[in-house]
N, C-alpha and C. Protein backbone atom coordinates (compact mmCIF):
# COMPACT_ATOMS: atom_id res chain seq x y z
N MET A 1 -39.98 30.57 -10.10
CA MET A 1 -40.86 29.18 -9.94
C MET A 1 -41.18 29.01 -7.92
N ASN A 2 -41.85 28.78 -7.92
CA ASN A 2 -41.67 28.71 -6.53
C ASN A 2 -41.29 27.52 -5.56
N ILE A 3 -41.04 28.31 -4.76
CA ILE A 3 -40.52 27.18 -2.73
C ILE A 3 -40.88 25.48 -3.26
N GLU A 4 -41.73 25.58 -3.84
CA GLU A 4 -42.47 23.46 -2.89
C GLU A 4 -41.41 23.39 -4.61
N ASP A 5 -41.76 24.46 -5.93
CA ASP A 5 -41.76 23.57 -7.27
C ASP A 5 -39.79 23.43 -8.02
N MET A 6 -38.85 24.31 -6.60
CA MET A 6 -38.00 24.46 -6.38
C MET A 6 -37.14 23.05 -5.46
N LYS A 7 -37.87 22.63 -4.82
CA LYS A 7 -38.03 21.68 -3.63
C LYS A 7 -37.96 20.29 -4.67
N VAL A 8 -38.93 19.87 -5.39
CA VAL A 8 -38.98 19.08 -6.20
C VAL A 8 -37.62 18.33 -6.48
N LYS A 9 -37.99 19.93 -7.43
CA LYS A 9 -36.01 19.20 -8.04
C LYS A 9 -34.74 19.54 -7.75
N LEU A 10 -34.69 20.31 -6.60
CA LEU A 10 -33.95 19.07 -5.87
C LEU A 10 -33.83 18.23 -5.41
N HIS A 11 -34.52 17.89 -4.92
CA HIS A 11 -34.69 16.49 -4.14
C HIS A 11 -34.08 15.31 -4.90
N ALA A 12 -35.29 15.90 -6.64
CA ALA A 12 -34.63 14.80 -7.54
C ALA A 12 -33.13 14.91 -8.22
N VAL A 13 -32.61 15.86 -8.03
CA VAL A 13 -31.26 15.84 -8.05
C VAL A 13 -29.87 15.42 -7.47
N ARG A 14 -30.46 15.32 -5.86
CA ARG A 14 -29.88 14.86 -4.58
C ARG A 14 -30.13 13.41 -5.06
N GLU A 15 -31.23 12.43 -5.74
CA GLU A 15 -31.64 10.99 -5.58
C GLU A 15 -30.20 11.11 -6.86
N GLU A 16 -30.58 11.39 -7.66
CA GLU A 16 -29.76 11.28 -8.44
C GLU A 16 -28.32 11.01 -8.99
N ARG A 17 -27.73 12.10 -7.98
CA ARG A 17 -26.47 12.44 -6.99
C ARG A 17 -26.27 11.06 -6.20
N GLU A 18 -27.00 10.28 -5.91
CA GLU A 18 -26.88 9.62 -4.40
C GLU A 18 -26.92 8.24 -5.56
N THR A 19 -28.14 8.14 -6.71
CA THR A 19 -27.76 7.38 -7.34
C THR A 19 -25.98 6.95 -7.78
N LEU A 20 -26.03 8.11 -8.90
CA LEU A 20 -24.57 7.79 -9.45
C LEU A 20 -23.45 7.94 -8.38
N SER A 21 -23.50 7.83 -6.93
CA SER A 21 -22.01 7.77 -6.55
C SER A 21 -22.01 6.94 -5.70
N LYS A 22 -23.73 5.58 -5.78
CA LYS A 22 -23.56 3.95 -5.26
C LYS A 22 -23.10 3.89 -6.61
N LYS A 23 -23.20 4.03 -7.76
CA LYS A 23 -22.80 3.16 -9.35
C LYS A 23 -20.72 3.80 -9.31
N ILE A 24 -21.04 4.85 -8.80
CA ILE A 24 -19.41 4.85 -9.11
C ILE A 24 -18.75 3.94 -8.26
N GLN A 25 -19.57 4.23 -6.97
CA GLN A 25 -18.55 3.25 -5.82
C GLN A 25 -18.53 1.97 -6.63
N GLN A 26 -20.01 1.24 -6.95
CA GLN A 26 -19.82 -0.36 -7.13
C GLN A 26 -18.56 -0.72 -8.36
N MET A 27 -18.65 0.03 -9.00
CA MET A 27 -17.69 0.13 -10.61
C MET A 27 -16.46 -0.38 -9.75
N ALA A 28 -15.96 1.49 -8.82
CA ALA A 28 -14.44 1.35 -8.55
C ALA A 28 -13.62 0.06 -8.04
N ALA A 29 -15.08 -0.66 -6.56
CA ALA A 29 -14.92 -1.73 -6.40
C ALA A 29 -14.53 -2.96 -7.41
N GLU A 30 -15.21 -2.63 -8.16
CA GLU A 30 -14.54 -4.00 -9.37
C GLU A 30 -13.35 -3.68 -9.52
N VAL A 31 -13.27 -2.70 -9.98
CA VAL A 31 -12.03 -2.56 -11.09
C VAL A 31 -11.20 -3.28 -10.16
N PHE A 32 -11.29 -1.93 -8.58
CA PHE A 32 -10.11 -2.20 -7.68
C PHE A 32 -10.42 -4.68 -7.37
N ALA A 33 -11.31 -5.11 -7.11
CA ALA A 33 -11.52 -6.56 -6.92
C ALA A 33 -10.24 -7.13 -8.18
N GLU A 34 -10.68 -6.61 -9.36
CA GLU A 34 -10.23 -7.11 -11.03
C GLU A 34 -8.52 -7.23 -10.54
N GLY A 35 -8.13 -5.96 -10.43
CA GLY A 35 -7.20 -5.43 -10.01
C GLY A 35 -6.02 -6.29 -8.90
N VAL A 36 -6.93 -6.23 -7.44
CA VAL A 36 -6.48 -7.11 -6.59
C VAL A 36 -5.60 -8.55 -7.00
N LYS A 37 -6.98 -9.56 -7.59
CA LYS A 37 -6.79 -10.24 -7.67
C LYS A 37 -5.72 -10.51 -9.09
N GLY A 38 -5.21 -9.85 -9.94
CA GLY A 38 -4.21 -9.68 -10.83
C GLY A 38 -2.67 -10.31 -10.40
N ILE A 39 -2.51 -8.78 -8.92
CA ILE A 39 -2.02 -8.78 -8.05
C ILE A 39 -0.94 -10.53 -7.71
N PHE A 40 -2.21 -11.38 -7.02
CA PHE A 40 -1.82 -12.12 -6.37
C PHE A 40 -2.06 -13.55 -7.09
N GLU A 41 -2.26 -14.06 -8.20
CA GLU A 41 -1.68 -14.04 -9.54
C GLU A 41 -0.87 -14.12 -10.22
N LYS A 42 0.26 -12.62 -10.35
CA LYS A 42 1.30 -12.77 -10.35
C LYS A 42 2.27 -12.77 -8.98
N HIS A 43 2.00 -12.76 -7.96
CA HIS A 43 3.01 -12.93 -6.58
C HIS A 43 1.96 -13.98 -6.03
N PRO A 44 2.60 -15.23 -6.29
CA PRO A 44 1.46 -16.21 -5.57
C PRO A 44 1.80 -16.72 -4.21
N THR A 45 2.70 -16.21 -3.57
CA THR A 45 3.43 -16.02 -2.93
C THR A 45 2.62 -15.31 -1.41
N LEU A 46 2.44 -13.63 -2.10
CA LEU A 46 1.39 -12.76 -1.12
C LEU A 46 0.64 -13.62 -0.58
N GLU A 47 0.37 -13.51 0.61
CA GLU A 47 -0.81 -14.45 1.26
C GLU A 47 -2.20 -12.85 1.39
N TYR A 48 -1.06 -11.53 1.87
CA TYR A 48 -1.55 -10.63 1.96
C TYR A 48 -1.47 -9.59 1.89
N PHE A 49 -1.81 -8.37 1.89
CA PHE A 49 -1.24 -6.90 2.08
C PHE A 49 -2.25 -5.96 2.89
N SER A 50 -1.95 -4.64 3.06
CA SER A 50 -3.02 -4.15 4.40
C SER A 50 -2.04 -2.88 4.83
N TRP A 51 -2.81 -1.35 4.83
CA TRP A 51 -2.89 -0.22 5.08
C TRP A 51 -3.62 0.53 6.14
N ASN A 52 -3.39 1.88 5.91
CA ASN A 52 -4.63 2.60 7.24
C ASN A 52 -4.67 3.28 6.68
N GLN A 53 -6.35 3.92 6.70
CA GLN A 53 -6.78 5.56 5.92
C GLN A 53 -7.00 5.88 7.29
N TYR A 54 -6.92 7.31 7.09
CA TYR A 54 -7.59 8.29 8.04
C TYR A 54 -8.10 9.68 7.76
N THR A 55 -8.23 10.51 8.13
CA THR A 55 -8.35 11.29 8.06
C THR A 55 -7.52 11.91 9.45
N PRO A 56 -6.94 12.68 10.61
CA PRO A 56 -6.09 13.36 10.99
C PRO A 56 -6.94 14.21 12.02
N TYR A 57 -7.15 13.79 12.77
CA TYR A 57 -7.88 14.59 13.87
C TYR A 57 -7.10 16.50 13.82
N PHE A 58 -5.69 16.13 13.86
CA PHE A 58 -4.97 17.45 14.24
C PHE A 58 -4.02 17.52 13.32
N ASN A 59 -4.03 18.98 12.31
CA ASN A 59 -2.94 19.08 11.30
C ASN A 59 -2.08 19.90 11.27
N ASP A 60 -1.96 20.85 12.79
CA ASP A 60 -0.88 21.51 12.67
C ASP A 60 -1.77 23.08 12.80
N GLY A 61 -3.37 23.16 12.77
CA GLY A 61 -4.38 24.55 12.13
C GLY A 61 -4.21 24.38 10.71
N ASP A 62 -3.82 23.21 10.18
CA ASP A 62 -4.12 23.45 8.75
C ASP A 62 -5.82 22.36 8.55
N VAL A 63 -5.98 22.46 7.53
CA VAL A 63 -7.69 21.63 7.55
C VAL A 63 -7.07 20.07 7.75
N CYS A 64 -7.97 19.55 7.99
CA CYS A 64 -7.26 18.08 8.55
C CYS A 64 -7.66 17.04 6.49
N GLU A 65 -7.77 16.53 6.71
CA GLU A 65 -7.95 15.72 4.86
C GLU A 65 -7.77 14.29 5.36
N PHE A 66 -8.85 13.83 4.59
CA PHE A 66 -7.83 12.07 3.83
C PHE A 66 -7.72 11.76 3.67
N SER A 67 -7.04 11.08 3.45
CA SER A 67 -5.34 9.96 2.62
C SER A 67 -5.34 8.88 3.28
N VAL A 68 -4.66 8.10 2.31
CA VAL A 68 -4.47 7.19 2.62
C VAL A 68 -3.06 6.57 2.45
N ASN A 69 -2.33 5.71 3.59
CA ASN A 69 -1.41 5.63 3.82
C ASN A 69 -0.15 4.60 2.95
N ARG A 70 -0.02 4.71 1.78
CA ARG A 70 0.45 3.84 0.75
C ARG A 70 1.52 3.95 0.79
N ASP A 71 2.24 4.82 1.28
CA ASP A 71 3.73 4.64 1.83
C ASP A 71 4.11 3.21 2.45
N TYR A 72 3.66 2.89 3.29
CA TYR A 72 4.12 2.35 4.24
C TYR A 72 2.76 1.16 4.65
N MET A 73 3.23 -0.03 4.66
CA MET A 73 2.17 -0.98 4.56
C MET A 73 2.83 -1.89 4.79
N THR A 74 2.15 -2.98 5.69
CA THR A 74 2.57 -4.17 5.76
C THR A 74 1.54 -5.10 4.56
N ALA A 75 2.89 -6.36 4.44
CA ALA A 75 2.43 -7.52 3.71
C ALA A 75 3.01 -9.31 4.63
N LYS A 76 2.25 -9.74 4.61
CA LYS A 76 2.62 -11.30 4.29
C LYS A 76 3.14 -12.26 3.34
N ASP A 77 3.92 -12.76 3.32
CA ASP A 77 4.05 -13.93 2.77
C ASP A 77 3.97 -15.54 2.63
N ILE A 78 3.18 -16.00 1.98
CA ILE A 78 2.55 -17.61 2.77
C ILE A 78 3.88 -18.56 3.32
N ASN A 79 4.97 -18.85 2.98
CA ASN A 79 6.73 -18.91 3.12
C ASN A 79 6.58 -18.54 4.07
N ASP A 80 6.23 -17.20 4.80
CA ASP A 80 7.09 -16.57 5.84
C ASP A 80 6.02 -17.12 7.72
N SER A 81 7.59 -17.33 8.07
CA SER A 81 6.84 -17.88 9.73
C SER A 81 6.22 -16.92 10.85
N ASP A 82 7.34 -15.85 9.77
CA ASP A 82 6.56 -14.43 11.49
C ASP A 82 5.64 -13.77 11.18
N GLU A 83 5.24 -13.45 11.49
CA GLU A 83 3.81 -12.80 11.61
C GLU A 83 3.50 -11.66 10.54
N ASP A 84 4.48 -10.73 10.26
CA ASP A 84 4.25 -9.95 8.72
C ASP A 84 5.46 -8.99 9.35
N GLU A 85 5.01 -8.35 7.92
CA GLU A 85 6.47 -7.34 7.71
C GLU A 85 6.34 -6.35 7.02
N ASP A 86 5.91 -5.07 7.88
CA ASP A 86 6.30 -3.57 8.12
C ASP A 86 6.99 -3.32 6.79
N PHE A 87 6.66 -2.83 5.45
CA PHE A 87 7.89 -2.02 5.05
C PHE A 87 7.74 -1.30 4.16
N ASP A 88 8.72 -0.79 3.76
CA ASP A 88 8.29 1.22 3.10
C ASP A 88 8.32 0.81 1.83
N ILE A 89 7.13 0.54 0.86
CA ILE A 89 6.82 0.43 -0.30
C ILE A 89 7.91 1.76 -1.36
N CYS A 90 7.85 2.05 -0.80
CA CYS A 90 8.77 3.50 -1.77
C CYS A 90 9.83 3.23 -2.23
N ASN A 91 10.85 2.81 -1.24
CA ASN A 91 11.52 2.65 -1.06
C ASN A 91 12.42 1.24 -1.26
N ILE A 92 11.83 0.58 -1.26
CA ILE A 92 12.01 -1.30 -2.26
C ILE A 92 11.74 -1.23 -3.25
N ALA A 93 10.59 -0.46 -3.39
CA ALA A 93 10.99 -0.24 -5.27
C ALA A 93 12.07 0.29 -5.95
N GLY A 94 12.62 1.63 -5.12
CA GLY A 94 13.69 2.23 -5.20
C GLY A 94 15.18 1.12 -5.50
N ASP A 95 14.86 0.49 -4.48
CA ASP A 95 16.30 -1.17 -4.22
C ASP A 95 15.59 -2.06 -5.24
N ILE A 96 14.94 -2.00 -5.71
CA ILE A 96 14.86 -3.56 -7.01
C ILE A 96 15.56 -3.02 -8.42
N LYS A 97 15.02 -1.66 -8.43
CA LYS A 97 15.37 -0.62 -9.63
C LYS A 97 16.68 -1.01 -9.87
N ARG A 98 17.54 -0.13 -8.04
CA ARG A 98 18.87 -0.20 -8.11
C ARG A 98 20.00 -1.74 -7.98
N GLY A 99 19.09 -2.32 -7.38
CA GLY A 99 19.91 -3.64 -7.42
C GLY A 99 20.48 -3.57 -6.33
N THR A 100 20.70 -2.41 -5.61
CA THR A 100 21.12 -2.67 -3.74
C THR A 100 19.92 -1.80 -2.89
N LYS A 101 20.96 -1.41 -1.57
CA LYS A 101 19.64 -0.88 -0.65
C LYS A 101 20.85 -0.02 0.50
N PHE A 102 20.21 0.19 0.91
CA PHE A 102 21.44 1.11 1.53
C PHE A 102 21.06 0.74 3.07
N GLU A 103 22.35 0.32 3.45
CA GLU A 103 22.37 0.05 5.48
C GLU A 103 23.00 0.91 5.69
N TYR A 104 22.37 0.83 7.64
CA TYR A 104 24.08 1.51 8.29
C TYR A 104 24.65 0.66 9.43
N VAL A 105 25.86 0.67 9.92
CA VAL A 105 26.32 0.61 10.38
C VAL A 105 27.02 1.17 11.26
N ASP A 106 27.87 0.75 12.57
CA ASP A 106 28.75 1.57 13.15
C ASP A 106 29.65 1.73 13.38
N ASP A 107 29.95 3.21 12.55
CA ASP A 107 30.82 3.63 12.78
C ASP A 107 31.90 4.68 14.04
N MET A 108 32.88 4.15 14.67
CA MET A 108 33.42 5.25 15.64
C MET A 108 34.58 5.94 15.14
N ARG A 109 34.40 7.12 15.59
CA ARG A 109 35.06 8.56 15.53
C ARG A 109 35.86 8.96 16.37
N VAL A 110 36.49 9.57 16.16
CA VAL A 110 37.77 9.88 17.14
C VAL A 110 37.60 11.88 17.08
N THR A 111 37.52 12.29 17.97
CA THR A 111 37.57 13.69 17.49
C THR A 111 39.40 14.29 17.15
N PRO A 112 40.14 15.50 17.03
CA PRO A 112 41.00 15.74 16.82
C PRO A 112 41.75 15.65 18.59
N ASP A 113 40.23 16.34 19.34
CA ASP A 113 41.03 16.82 21.03
C ASP A 113 41.10 15.03 21.29
N LYS A 114 41.33 14.17 20.47
CA LYS A 114 40.99 12.26 21.06
C LYS A 114 39.80 11.79 21.50
N TRP A 115 38.70 12.48 21.88
CA TRP A 115 36.93 11.71 21.89
C TRP A 115 36.28 11.27 21.62
N GLY A 116 36.42 9.97 21.63
CA GLY A 116 35.17 9.26 20.24
C GLY A 116 34.05 9.11 20.67
N TYR A 117 33.75 9.49 19.45
CA TYR A 117 32.29 9.78 19.93
C TYR A 117 32.29 8.07 18.38
N ARG A 118 30.35 7.50 18.75
CA ARG A 118 29.88 6.69 18.30
C ARG A 118 28.99 6.70 16.80
N THR A 119 28.81 6.78 15.40
CA THR A 119 27.76 7.39 14.72
C THR A 119 27.50 5.80 14.03
N GLN A 120 26.56 6.14 12.88
CA GLN A 120 26.36 5.70 11.81
C GLN A 120 26.89 6.11 10.32
N LYS A 121 26.98 5.00 9.93
CA LYS A 121 27.42 5.66 8.49
C LYS A 121 26.83 4.73 7.54
N ARG A 122 26.25 4.90 6.35
CA ARG A 122 25.06 4.85 5.51
C ARG A 122 25.99 4.60 4.38
N ILE A 123 26.15 2.45 3.90
CA ILE A 123 26.40 2.12 2.91
C ILE A 123 25.08 1.60 2.05
N GLU A 124 25.51 1.34 0.86
CA GLU A 124 24.96 0.90 -0.39
C GLU A 124 25.77 -0.96 -0.47
N VAL A 125 24.98 -1.22 -0.62
CA VAL A 125 25.36 -3.36 -0.78
C VAL A 125 24.34 -3.78 -1.36
N PRO A 126 24.79 -4.90 -2.12
CA PRO A 126 23.65 -5.71 -2.72
C PRO A 126 22.49 -6.11 -2.45
N PHE A 127 21.53 -6.08 -3.48
CA PHE A 127 19.76 -6.22 -2.53
C PHE A 127 19.95 -7.60 -3.84
N THR A 128 19.15 -8.67 -2.77
CA THR A 128 18.79 -9.93 -3.53
C THR A 128 17.01 -9.64 -2.77
N PRO A 129 16.39 -9.45 -3.71
CA PRO A 129 14.63 -9.06 -3.03
C PRO A 129 13.70 -10.14 -3.07
N THR A 130 13.29 -10.29 -1.57
CA THR A 130 12.92 -11.55 -1.33
C THR A 130 11.02 -11.44 -2.04
N PRO A 131 11.00 -13.22 -2.94
CA PRO A 131 9.36 -12.95 -3.15
C PRO A 131 8.49 -11.58 -2.49
N LEU A 132 8.06 -11.47 -1.32
CA LEU A 132 7.48 -10.36 -0.60
C LEU A 132 7.47 -9.12 -1.05
N GLU A 133 9.27 -8.83 -0.94
CA GLU A 133 9.77 -7.01 -1.51
C GLU A 133 9.14 -7.23 -3.29
N LEU A 134 9.76 -8.25 -3.96
CA LEU A 134 9.00 -7.83 -4.99
C LEU A 134 7.61 -7.37 -5.71
N ALA A 135 6.51 -8.03 -4.58
CA ALA A 135 5.66 -7.61 -5.01
C ALA A 135 5.09 -6.63 -4.45
N ALA A 136 6.09 -5.28 -3.69
CA ALA A 136 6.21 -3.76 -3.22
C ALA A 136 5.77 -3.29 -4.22
N PRO A 137 6.91 -3.51 -5.95
CA PRO A 137 6.07 -2.50 -6.52
C PRO A 137 4.87 -2.08 -7.40
N THR A 138 4.88 -3.81 -7.49
CA THR A 138 2.92 -3.60 -8.10
C THR A 138 1.74 -3.06 -7.62
N ILE A 139 2.01 -4.01 -6.08
CA ILE A 139 1.06 -2.67 -5.16
C ILE A 139 1.47 -1.75 -5.24
N GLN A 140 2.40 -0.63 -5.24
CA GLN A 140 2.98 0.36 -4.97
C GLN A 140 2.16 1.24 -6.22
N GLU A 141 2.40 0.20 -7.55
CA GLU A 141 1.61 1.11 -8.91
C GLU A 141 0.44 0.57 -8.58
N PHE A 142 -0.31 -0.35 -8.29
CA PHE A 142 -2.05 -0.87 -8.44
C PHE A 142 -2.18 0.31 -7.71
N MET A 143 -2.06 0.59 -6.16
CA MET A 143 -2.78 1.52 -5.12
C MET A 143 -2.65 2.97 -5.45
N ASN A 144 -1.81 3.57 -6.24
CA ASN A 144 -1.65 4.81 -7.07
C ASN A 144 -2.42 5.07 -7.66
N GLU A 145 -3.23 4.25 -8.65
CA GLU A 145 -4.09 4.22 -9.11
C GLU A 145 -5.63 5.25 -9.39
N PHE A 146 -5.25 4.41 -7.55
CA PHE A 146 -7.12 5.08 -7.27
C PHE A 146 -6.75 5.93 -6.15
N ARG A 147 -7.44 7.33 -6.01
CA ARG A 147 -7.56 7.83 -5.09
C ARG A 147 -8.25 7.53 -4.26
N ASP A 148 -7.58 8.41 -3.34
CA ASP A 148 -8.02 8.89 -1.92
C ASP A 148 -9.64 8.66 -1.86
N GLU A 149 -9.73 9.57 -2.00
CA GLU A 149 -12.00 9.72 -2.55
C GLU A 149 -12.21 8.13 -2.49
N ASP A 150 -11.35 7.45 -3.86
CA ASP A 150 -11.91 6.17 -3.98
C ASP A 150 -11.91 4.79 -2.49
N PHE A 151 -10.67 5.22 -2.26
CA PHE A 151 -10.81 4.26 -0.58
C PHE A 151 -11.13 5.04 0.44
N LEU A 152 -12.19 6.48 0.54
CA LEU A 152 -12.43 6.32 1.49
C LEU A 152 -14.30 5.37 1.02
N MET A 153 -14.31 6.04 0.29
CA MET A 153 -16.23 5.17 -0.70
C MET A 153 -15.69 3.57 -0.22
N MET A 154 -14.59 2.88 -0.89
CA MET A 154 -14.78 1.74 -0.05
C MET A 154 -14.71 1.23 0.79
N PHE A 155 -14.07 1.79 2.00
CA PHE A 155 -13.21 0.98 2.52
C PHE A 155 -13.92 1.76 3.82
N GLY A 156 -13.82 3.35 4.13
CA GLY A 156 -14.25 4.09 5.05
C GLY A 156 -13.15 5.28 5.69
N ASP A 157 -13.61 5.40 6.80
CA ASP A 157 -11.81 6.05 7.29
C ASP A 157 -11.82 5.67 8.71
N HIS A 158 -10.42 5.72 9.28
CA HIS A 158 -10.03 5.67 10.45
C HIS A 158 -10.27 4.01 10.66
N VAL A 159 -9.50 3.71 9.33
CA VAL A 159 -9.84 2.23 9.23
C VAL A 159 -8.09 1.34 8.98
N LYS A 160 -8.05 0.37 9.51
CA LYS A 160 -6.63 -0.60 8.75
C LYS A 160 -7.54 -1.58 7.62
N VAL A 161 -6.89 -1.57 6.85
CA VAL A 161 -7.42 -2.39 5.68
C VAL A 161 -6.58 -3.96 5.31
N THR A 162 -6.93 -4.49 5.30
CA THR A 162 -6.79 -5.98 5.27
C THR A 162 -7.05 -6.67 3.47
N ILE A 163 -6.18 -6.62 2.63
CA ILE A 163 -6.76 -7.84 1.37
C ILE A 163 -6.39 -8.78 1.74
N ASN A 164 -7.00 -10.18 1.50
CA ASN A 164 -6.06 -11.60 1.74
C ASN A 164 -6.71 -12.05 -0.07
N ARG A 165 -5.21 -12.94 0.08
CA ARG A 165 -5.75 -13.60 -1.14
C ARG A 165 -7.13 -14.19 -2.07
N ASP A 166 -7.88 -15.06 -1.18
CA ASP A 166 -8.78 -15.27 -0.93
C ASP A 166 -10.09 -14.46 -1.97
N GLY A 167 -9.83 -13.20 -1.62
CA GLY A 167 -10.97 -11.88 -2.34
C GLY A 167 -10.75 -11.79 -0.13
N THR A 168 -11.10 -11.67 0.13
CA THR A 168 -11.94 -10.46 1.60
C THR A 168 -11.35 -10.11 1.77
N VAL A 169 -11.78 -8.68 2.33
CA VAL A 169 -11.02 -7.71 2.95
C VAL A 169 -11.61 -7.22 4.11
N LEU A 170 -10.91 -6.88 4.82
CA LEU A 170 -10.81 -6.99 6.36
C LEU A 170 -10.67 -5.29 6.48
N THR A 171 -11.92 -5.07 7.34
CA THR A 171 -11.79 -3.41 7.84
C THR A 171 -11.54 -3.41 9.16
N ASP A 172 -10.57 -3.05 10.08
CA ASP A 172 -10.75 -2.92 11.50
C ASP A 172 -9.88 -1.19 12.12
N ASP A 173 -10.84 -0.65 12.77
CA ASP A 173 -10.42 0.10 13.50
C ASP A 173 -9.91 0.47 13.49
N TYR A 174 -9.01 2.10 12.89
CA TYR A 174 -7.00 1.94 13.11
C TYR A 174 -7.04 3.54 14.34
N ASP A 175 -6.68 2.76 15.17
CA ASP A 175 -6.46 4.57 16.04
C ASP A 175 -5.20 5.31 15.64
N HIS A 176 -5.39 6.60 15.40
CA HIS A 176 -4.49 7.10 14.93
C HIS A 176 -3.67 8.05 15.94
N ASP A 177 -4.13 8.62 17.11
CA ASP A 177 -3.64 9.50 17.59
C ASP A 177 -2.23 9.81 17.64
């Protein structure tokens, strides 16, 4: 095979790869949109949920790889007057399963030589989740079904992604220095 024939074949392979990549991106976006619709149907007071995703600039000498911050998200309930609520989606899912959550309370200790110091004690208390907190396991399961590369293709790098009840998706630049 001469170099010109190789160039033509390689160009055809690259065009096919680009076509397939666009098709895969479109298919993933359609599945994502259907799933989002289901989340909002199941949780009628959920107004939006959001997360950030980015490639770190520095990783202590290791390769910097793109990732989606699925563990810490922001969400808002329609009935909540506050701006929004950050929550640790992994912990809330565990709290709901257990029916309890952990809180920290001040605990005054006195050492044998009578010096006092303040510490915190972790206690387990009953947990009654809010409607917003009840949405957390659903969102977590949904987000975990997608690969990081799916999110990168759909929304880009160094962004905060917000999924709204009306189906609109907002992406804002995310500074993560």
